Amino acid sequence: MTERSVTISPPTRDEGRRVWVDGNLLGAVHSLSGLTHLLQRAGWEGLDEVDVANLPIIEWYGGGPEVWSRRD
């Protein structure tokens, strides 16, 4: 079984943060809650926000799970 990868882009002014799973763009989210729901729909059922914030396979760019808006 291959390990899955999740990449979270830096926040943008309009779109939020883009979410890539296994190299495929799933969408953009504006909160940890939104990310949790997106990952649940992608097959990670049973995850909650604490799980998502601490998943070691997530690569966060432009800030971690506490950063959802762009700092100018």
PDB file of N, CA and C in Angstrom:
ATOM      1  N   MET A   1       0.855  -1.185   0.000  1.00  0.00           N
ATOM      2  CA  MET A   1       0.000   0.000   0.000  1.00  0.00           C
ATOM      3  C   MET A   1       0.897   1.242   0.000  1.00  0.00           C
ATOM      4  N   THR A   2       0.640   2.158  -0.905  1.00  0.00           N
ATOM      5  CA  THR A   2       1.434   3.374  -0.966  1.00  0.00           C
ATOM      6  C   THR A   2       0.853   4.412  -0.027  1.00  0.00           C
ATOM      7  N   GLU A   3       1.749   5.201   0.528  1.00  0.00           N
ATOM      8  CA  GLU A   3       1.300   6.253   1.431  1.00  0.00           C
ATOM      9  C   GLU A   3       0.768   7.425   0.622  1.00  0.00           C
ATOM     10  N   ARG A   4      -0.302   7.979   1.093  1.00  0.00           N
ATOM     11  CA  ARG A   4      -0.925   9.121   0.414  1.00  0.00           C
ATOM     12  C   ARG A   4      -0.210  10.398   0.837  1.00  0.00           C
ATOM     13  N   SER A   5      -0.314  11.419   0.012  1.00  0.00           N
ATOM     14  CA  SER A   5       0.280  12.711   0.342  1.00  0.00           C
ATOM     15  C   SER A   5      -0.773  13.802   0.222  1.00  0.00           C
ATOM     16  N   VAL A   6      -0.679  14.765   1.115  1.00  0.00           N
ATOM     17  CA  VAL A   6      -1.582  15.914   1.108  1.00  0.00           C
ATOM     18  C   VAL A   6      -0.712  17.158   1.181  1.00  0.00           C
ATOM     19  N   THR A   7      -0.941  18.080   0.264  1.00  0.00           N
ATOM     20  CA  THR A   7      -0.203  19.342   0.246  1.00  0.00           C
ATOM     21  C   THR A   7      -1.206  20.476   0.348  1.00  0.00           C
ATOM     22  N   ILE A   8      -0.934  21.402   1.262  1.00  0.00           N
ATOM     23  CA  ILE A   8      -1.780  22.574   1.470  1.00  0.00           C
ATOM     24  C   ILE A   8      -0.975  23.795   1.044  1.00  0.00           C
ATOM     25  N   SER A   9      -1.474  24.523   0.058  1.00  0.00           N
ATOM     26  CA  SER A   9      -0.765  25.695  -0.457  1.00  0.00           C
ATOM     27  C   SER A   9      -0.890  26.870   0.516  1.00  0.00           C
ATOM     28  N   PRO A  10      -0.054  27.883   0.331  1.00  0.00           N
ATOM     29  CA  PRO A  10      -0.218  29.099   1.128  1.00  0.00           C
ATOM     30  C   PRO A  10      -1.585  29.728   0.852  1.00  0.00           C
ATOM     31  N   PRO A  11      -2.110  30.463   1.813  1.00  0.00           N
ATOM     32  CA  PRO A  11      -3.403  31.119   1.582  1.00  0.00           C
ATOM     33  C   PRO A  11      -3.298  32.199   0.510  1.00  0.00           C
ATOM     34  N   THR A  12      -4.363  32.339  -0.254  1.00  0.00           N
ATOM     35  CA  THR A  12      -4.460  33.425  -1.225  1.00  0.00           C
ATOM     36  C   THR A  12      -5.518  34.402  -0.734  1.00  0.00           C
ATOM     37  N   ARG A  13      -5.558  35.536  -1.342  1.00  0.00           N
ATOM     38  CA  ARG A  13      -6.526  36.551  -0.933  1.00  0.00           C
ATOM     39  C   ARG A  13      -7.969  36.122  -1.211  1.00  0.00           C
ATOM     40  N   ASP A  14      -8.196  35.467  -2.361  1.00  0.00           N
ATOM     41  CA  ASP A  14      -9.558  35.152  -2.781  1.00  0.00           C
ATOM     42  C   ASP A  14      -9.963  33.690  -2.623  1.00  0.00           C
ATOM     43  N   GLU A  15      -9.047  32.772  -2.901  1.00  0.00           N
ATOM     44  CA  GLU A  15      -9.406  31.359  -2.966  1.00  0.00           C
ATOM     45  C   GLU A  15      -9.257  30.597  -1.662  1.00  0.00           C
ATOM     46  N   GLY A  16      -8.553  31.109  -0.706  1.00  0.00           N
ATOM     47  CA  GLY A  16      -8.244  30.328   0.485  1.00  0.00           C
ATOM     48  C   GLY A  16      -6.983  29.524   0.238  1.00  0.00           C
ATOM     49  N   ARG A  17      -6.948  28.302   0.716  1.00  0.00           N
ATOM     50  CA  ARG A  17      -5.781  27.438   0.545  1.00  0.00           C
ATOM     51  C   ARG A  17      -6.157  26.258  -0.343  1.00  0.00           C
ATOM     52  N   ARG A  18      -5.363  26.039  -1.374  1.00  0.00           N
ATOM     53  CA  ARG A  18      -5.601  24.907  -2.276  1.00  0.00           C
ATOM     54  C   ARG A  18      -5.134  23.619  -1.614  1.00  0.00           C
ATOM     55  N   VAL A  19      -5.869  22.566  -1.887  1.00  0.00           N
ATOM     56  CA  VAL A  19      -5.589  21.259  -1.290  1.00  0.00           C
ATOM     57  C   VAL A  19      -5.296  20.263  -2.409  1.00  0.00           C
ATOM     58  N   TRP A  20      -4.125  19.661  -2.322  1.00  0.00           N
ATOM     59  CA  TRP A  20      -3.702  18.661  -3.298  1.00  0.00           C
ATOM     60  C   TRP A  20      -3.586  17.322  -2.580  1.00  0.00           C
ATOM     61  N   VAL A  21      -4.186  16.277  -3.136  1.00  0.00           N
ATOM     62  CA  VAL A  21      -4.063  14.933  -2.583  1.00  0.00           C
ATOM     63  C   VAL A  21      -3.486  14.040  -3.669  1.00  0.00           C
ATOM     64  N   ASP A  22      -2.379  13.401  -3.340  1.00  0.00           N
ATOM     65  CA  ASP A  22      -1.695  12.521  -4.291  1.00  0.00           C
ATOM     66  C   ASP A  22      -1.452  13.220  -5.624  1.00  0.00           C
ATOM     67  N   GLY A  23      -1.128  14.507  -5.570  1.00  0.00           N
ATOM     68  CA  GLY A  23      -0.825  15.271  -6.775  1.00  0.00           C
ATOM     69  C   GLY A  23      -2.015  15.808  -7.529  1.00  0.00           C
ATOM     70  N   ASN A  24      -3.219  15.556  -7.045  1.00  0.00           N
ATOM     71  CA  ASN A  24      -4.433  16.031  -7.710  1.00  0.00           C
ATOM     72  C   ASN A  24      -5.091  17.136  -6.889  1.00  0.00           C
ATOM     73  N   LEU A  25      -5.458  18.211  -7.551  1.00  0.00           N
ATOM     74  CA  LEU A  25      -6.128  19.314  -6.873  1.00  0.00           C
ATOM     75  C   LEU A  25      -7.550  18.896  -6.506  1.00  0.00           C
ATOM     76  N   LEU A  26      -7.853  18.961  -5.197  1.00  0.00           N
ATOM     77  CA  LEU A  26      -9.211  18.633  -4.733  1.00  0.00           C
ATOM     78  C   LEU A  26     -10.091  19.866  -4.642  1.00  0.00           C
ATOM     79  N   GLY A  27      -9.488  21.001  -4.361  1.00  0.00           N
ATOM     80  CA  GLY A  27     -10.260  22.219  -4.205  1.00  0.00           C
ATOM     81  C   GLY A  27      -9.534  23.183  -3.307  1.00  0.00           C
ATOM     82  N   ALA A  28     -10.254  24.190  -2.856  1.00  0.00           N
ATOM     83  CA  ALA A  28      -9.696  25.197  -1.959  1.00  0.00           C
ATOM     84  C   ALA A  28     -10.595  25.314  -0.738  1.00  0.00           C
ATOM     85  N   VAL A  29      -9.978  25.610   0.395  1.00  0.00           N
ATOM     86  CA  VAL A  29     -10.719  25.717   1.655  1.00  0.00           C
ATOM     87  C   VAL A  29     -10.300  26.976   2.390  1.00  0.00           C
ATOM     88  N   HIS A  30     -11.158  27.396   3.313  1.00  0.00           N
ATOM     89  CA  HIS A  30     -10.909  28.619   4.076  1.00  0.00           C
ATOM     90  C   HIS A  30     -10.776  28.377   5.573  1.00  0.00           C
ATOM     91  N   SER A  31     -10.792  27.096   5.969  1.00  0.00           N
ATOM     92  CA  SER A  31     -10.720  26.793   7.405  1.00  0.00           C
ATOM     93  C   SER A  31     -10.302  25.344   7.605  1.00  0.00           C
ATOM     94  N   LEU A  32      -9.899  25.038   8.825  1.00  0.00           N
ATOM     95  CA  LEU A  32      -9.564  23.670   9.183  1.00  0.00           C
ATOM     96  C   LEU A  32     -10.799  22.783   9.063  1.00  0.00           C
ATOM     97  N   SER A  33     -11.935  23.321   9.409  1.00  0.00           N
ATOM     98  CA  SER A  33     -13.188  22.585   9.265  1.00  0.00           C
ATOM     99  C   SER A  33     -13.451  22.245   7.802  1.00  0.00           C
ATOM    100  N   GLY A  34     -13.238  23.205   6.917  1.00  0.00           N
ATOM    101  CA  GLY A  34     -13.418  22.969   5.490  1.00  0.00           C
ATOM    102  C   GLY A  34     -12.458  21.918   4.964  1.00  0.00           C
ATOM    103  N   LEU A  35     -11.210  21.964   5.437  1.00  0.00           N
ATOM    104  CA  LEU A  35     -10.224  20.967   5.036  1.00  0.00           C
ATOM    105  C   LEU A  35     -10.641  19.582   5.518  1.00  0.00           C
ATOM    106  N   THR A  36     -11.122  19.510   6.735  1.00  0.00           N
ATOM    107  CA  THR A  36     -11.561  18.228   7.297  1.00  0.00           C
ATOM    108  C   THR A  36     -12.682  17.631   6.450  1.00  0.00           C
ATOM    109  N   HIS A  37     -13.658  18.437   6.082  1.00  0.00           N
ATOM    110  CA  HIS A  37     -14.772  17.953   5.260  1.00  0.00           C
ATOM    111  C   HIS A  37     -14.293  17.520   3.874  1.00  0.00           C
ATOM    112  N   LEU A  38     -13.373  18.276   3.293  1.00  0.00           N
ATOM    113  CA  LEU A  38     -12.850  17.928   1.971  1.00  0.00           C
ATOM    114  C   LEU A  38     -12.126  16.584   2.016  1.00  0.00           C
ATOM    115  N   LEU A  39     -11.315  16.373   3.047  1.00  0.00           N
ATOM    116  CA  LEU A  39     -10.597  15.111   3.173  1.00  0.00           C
ATOM    117  C   LEU A  39     -11.547  13.944   3.461  1.00  0.00           C
ATOM    118  N   GLN A  40     -12.582  14.201   4.223  1.00  0.00           N
ATOM    119  CA  GLN A  40     -13.580  13.153   4.475  1.00  0.00           C
ATOM    120  C   GLN A  40     -14.233  12.722   3.165  1.00  0.00           C
ATOM    121  N   ARG A  41     -14.572  13.689   2.320  1.00  0.00           N
ATOM    122  CA  ARG A  41     -15.180  13.365   1.025  1.00  0.00           C
ATOM    123  C   ARG A  41     -14.207  12.632   0.105  1.00  0.00           C
ATOM    124  N   ALA A  42     -12.899  12.818   0.354  1.00  0.00           N
ATOM    125  CA  ALA A  42     -11.879  12.154  -0.462  1.00  0.00           C
ATOM    126  C   ALA A  42     -11.538  10.758   0.059  1.00  0.00           C
ATOM    127  N   GLY A  43     -12.249  10.313   1.088  1.00  0.00           N
ATOM    128  CA  GLY A  43     -12.044   8.955   1.560  1.00  0.00           C
ATOM    129  C   GLY A  43     -11.491   8.795   2.954  1.00  0.00           C
ATOM    130  N   TRP A  44     -11.131   9.894   3.592  1.00  0.00           N
ATOM    131  CA  TRP A  44     -10.626   9.829   4.964  1.00  0.00           C
ATOM    132  C   TRP A  44     -11.793  10.002   5.931  1.00  0.00           C
ATOM    133  N   GLU A  45     -12.643   9.036   5.980  1.00  0.00           N
ATOM    134  CA  GLU A  45     -13.810   9.114   6.851  1.00  0.00           C
ATOM    135  C   GLU A  45     -13.392   8.977   8.313  1.00  0.00           C
ATOM    136  N   GLY A  46     -14.125   9.626   9.178  1.00  0.00           N
ATOM    137  CA  GLY A  46     -13.865   9.515  10.607  1.00  0.00           C
ATOM    138  C   GLY A  46     -12.832  10.485  11.147  1.00  0.00           C
ATOM    139  N   LEU A  47     -12.241  11.313  10.288  1.00  0.00           N
ATOM    140  CA  LEU A  47     -11.289  12.313  10.764  1.00  0.00           C
ATOM    141  C   LEU A  47     -12.025  13.480  11.397  1.00  0.00           C
ATOM    142  N   ASP A  48     -11.427  14.050  12.438  1.00  0.00           N
ATOM    143  CA  ASP A  48     -11.942  15.300  12.963  1.00  0.00           C
ATOM    144  C   ASP A  48     -10.848  16.360  12.800  1.00  0.00           C
ATOM    145  N   GLU A  49     -11.117  17.577  13.220  1.00  0.00           N
ATOM    146  CA  GLU A  49     -10.174  18.678  13.014  1.00  0.00           C
ATOM    147  C   GLU A  49      -8.843  18.449  13.727  1.00  0.00           C
ATOM    148  N   VAL A  50      -8.878  17.859  14.900  1.00  0.00           N
ATOM    149  CA  VAL A  50      -7.634  17.576  15.632  1.00  0.00           C
ATOM    150  C   VAL A  50      -6.797  16.570  14.851  1.00  0.00           C
ATOM    151  N   ASP A  51      -7.438  15.534  14.320  1.00  0.00           N
ATOM    152  CA  ASP A  51      -6.721  14.552  13.500  1.00  0.00           C
ATOM    153  C   ASP A  51      -6.053  15.226  12.309  1.00  0.00           C
ATOM    154  N   VAL A  52      -6.809  16.055  11.608  1.00  0.00           N
ATOM    155  CA  VAL A  52      -6.297  16.701  10.401  1.00  0.00           C
ATOM    156  C   VAL A  52      -5.134  17.634  10.736  1.00  0.00           C
ATOM    157  N   ALA A  53      -5.252  18.391  11.801  1.00  0.00           N
ATOM    158  CA  ALA A  53      -4.182  19.322  12.194  1.00  0.00           C
ATOM    159  C   ALA A  53      -2.887  18.591  12.524  1.00  0.00           C
ATOM    160  N   ASN A  54      -2.995  17.329  12.912  1.00  0.00           N
ATOM    161  CA  ASN A  54      -1.811  16.573  13.330  1.00  0.00           C
ATOM    162  C   ASN A  54      -1.396  15.463  12.374  1.00  0.00           C
ATOM    163  N   LEU A  55      -2.041  15.351  11.215  1.00  0.00           N
ATOM    164  CA  LEU A  55      -1.673  14.300  10.263  1.00  0.00           C
ATOM    165  C   LEU A  55      -0.252  14.511   9.756  1.00  0.00           C
ATOM    166  N   PRO A  56       0.626  13.536   9.947  1.00  0.00           N
ATOM    167  CA  PRO A  56       2.016  13.720   9.514  1.00  0.00           C
ATOM    168  C   PRO A  56       2.197  13.723   8.003  1.00  0.00           C
ATOM    169  N   ILE A  57       1.209  13.261   7.243  1.00  0.00           N
ATOM    170  CA  ILE A  57       1.372  13.236   5.782  1.00  0.00           C
ATOM    171  C   ILE A  57       0.998  14.559   5.123  1.00  0.00           C
ATOM    172  N   ILE A  58       0.521  15.526   5.908  1.00  0.00           N
ATOM    173  CA  ILE A  58       0.168  16.827   5.335  1.00  0.00           C
ATOM    174  C   ILE A  58       1.390  17.730   5.326  1.00  0.00           C
ATOM    175  N   GLU A  59       1.681  18.292   4.159  1.00  0.00           N
ATOM    176  CA  GLU A  59       2.738  19.290   4.010  1.00  0.00           C
ATOM    177  C   GLU A  59       2.056  20.650   3.932  1.00  0.00           C
ATOM    178  N   TRP A  60       2.330  21.489   4.905  1.00  0.00           N
ATOM    179  CA  TRP A  60       1.730  22.821   4.972  1.00  0.00           C
ATOM    180  C   TRP A  60       2.718  23.851   4.425  1.00  0.00           C
ATOM    181  N   TYR A  61       2.273  24.663   3.486  1.00  0.00           N
ATOM    182  CA  TYR A  61       3.102  25.753   2.949  1.00  0.00           C
ATOM    183  C   TYR A  61       2.427  27.083   3.276  1.00  0.00           C
ATOM    184  N   GLY A  62       3.217  28.036   3.724  1.00  0.00           N
ATOM    185  CA  GLY A  62       2.672  29.350   4.048  1.00  0.00           C
ATOM    186  C   GLY A  62       1.993  29.394   5.409  1.00  0.00           C
ATOM    187  N   GLY A  63       2.320  28.470   6.280  1.00  0.00           N
ATOM    188  CA  GLY A  63       1.741  28.416   7.619  1.00  0.00           C
ATOM    189  C   GLY A  63       1.036  27.096   7.849  1.00  0.00           C
ATOM    190  N   GLY A  64       0.884  26.760   9.099  1.00  0.00           N
ATOM    191  CA  GLY A  64       0.270  25.495   9.480  1.00  0.00           C
ATOM    192  C   GLY A  64      -1.239  25.566   9.551  1.00  0.00           C
ATOM    193  N   PRO A  65      -1.823  24.648  10.295  1.00  0.00           N
ATOM    194  CA  PRO A  65      -3.281  24.542  10.345  1.00  0.00           C
ATOM    195  C   PRO A  65      -3.989  25.715  11.015  1.00  0.00           C
ATOM    196  N   GLU A  66      -3.233  26.621  11.596  1.00  0.00           N
ATOM    197  CA  GLU A  66      -3.838  27.789  12.232  1.00  0.00           C
ATOM    198  C   GLU A  66      -3.876  29.014  11.307  1.00  0.00           C
ATOM    199  N   VAL A  67      -3.294  28.913  10.118  1.00  0.00           N
ATOM    200  CA  VAL A  67      -3.202  30.046   9.190  1.00  0.00           C
ATOM    201  C   VAL A  67      -4.167  29.847   8.021  1.00  0.00           C
ATOM    202  N   TRP A  68      -5.140  30.755   7.907  1.00  0.00           N
ATOM    203  CA  TRP A  68      -6.124  30.641   6.836  1.00  0.00           C
ATOM    204  C   TRP A  68      -6.300  31.923   6.037  1.00  0.00           C
ATOM    205  N   SER A  69      -5.625  32.976   6.413  1.00  0.00           N
ATOM    206  CA  SER A  69      -5.703  34.212   5.636  1.00  0.00           C
ATOM    207  C   SER A  69      -4.292  34.670   5.301  1.00  0.00           C
ATOM    208  N   ARG A  70      -4.221  35.387   4.222  1.00  0.00           N
ATOM    209  CA  ARG A  70      -2.933  35.885   3.742  1.00  0.00           C
ATOM    210  C   ARG A  70      -2.481  37.062   4.586  1.00  0.00           C
ATOM    211  N   ARG A  71      -1.216  37.083   4.895  1.00  0.00           N
ATOM    212  CA  ARG A  71      -0.646  38.212   5.653  1.00  0.00           C
ATOM    213  C   ARG A  71       0.119  39.102   4.693  1.00  0.00           C
ATOM    214  N   ASP A  72      -0.376  40.309   4.475  1.00  0.00           N
ATOM    215  CA  ASP A  72       0.311  41.240   3.558  1.00  0.00           C
ATOM    216  C   ASP A  72       1.084  42.270   4.329  1.00  0.00           C
TER     217      ASP A  72
END
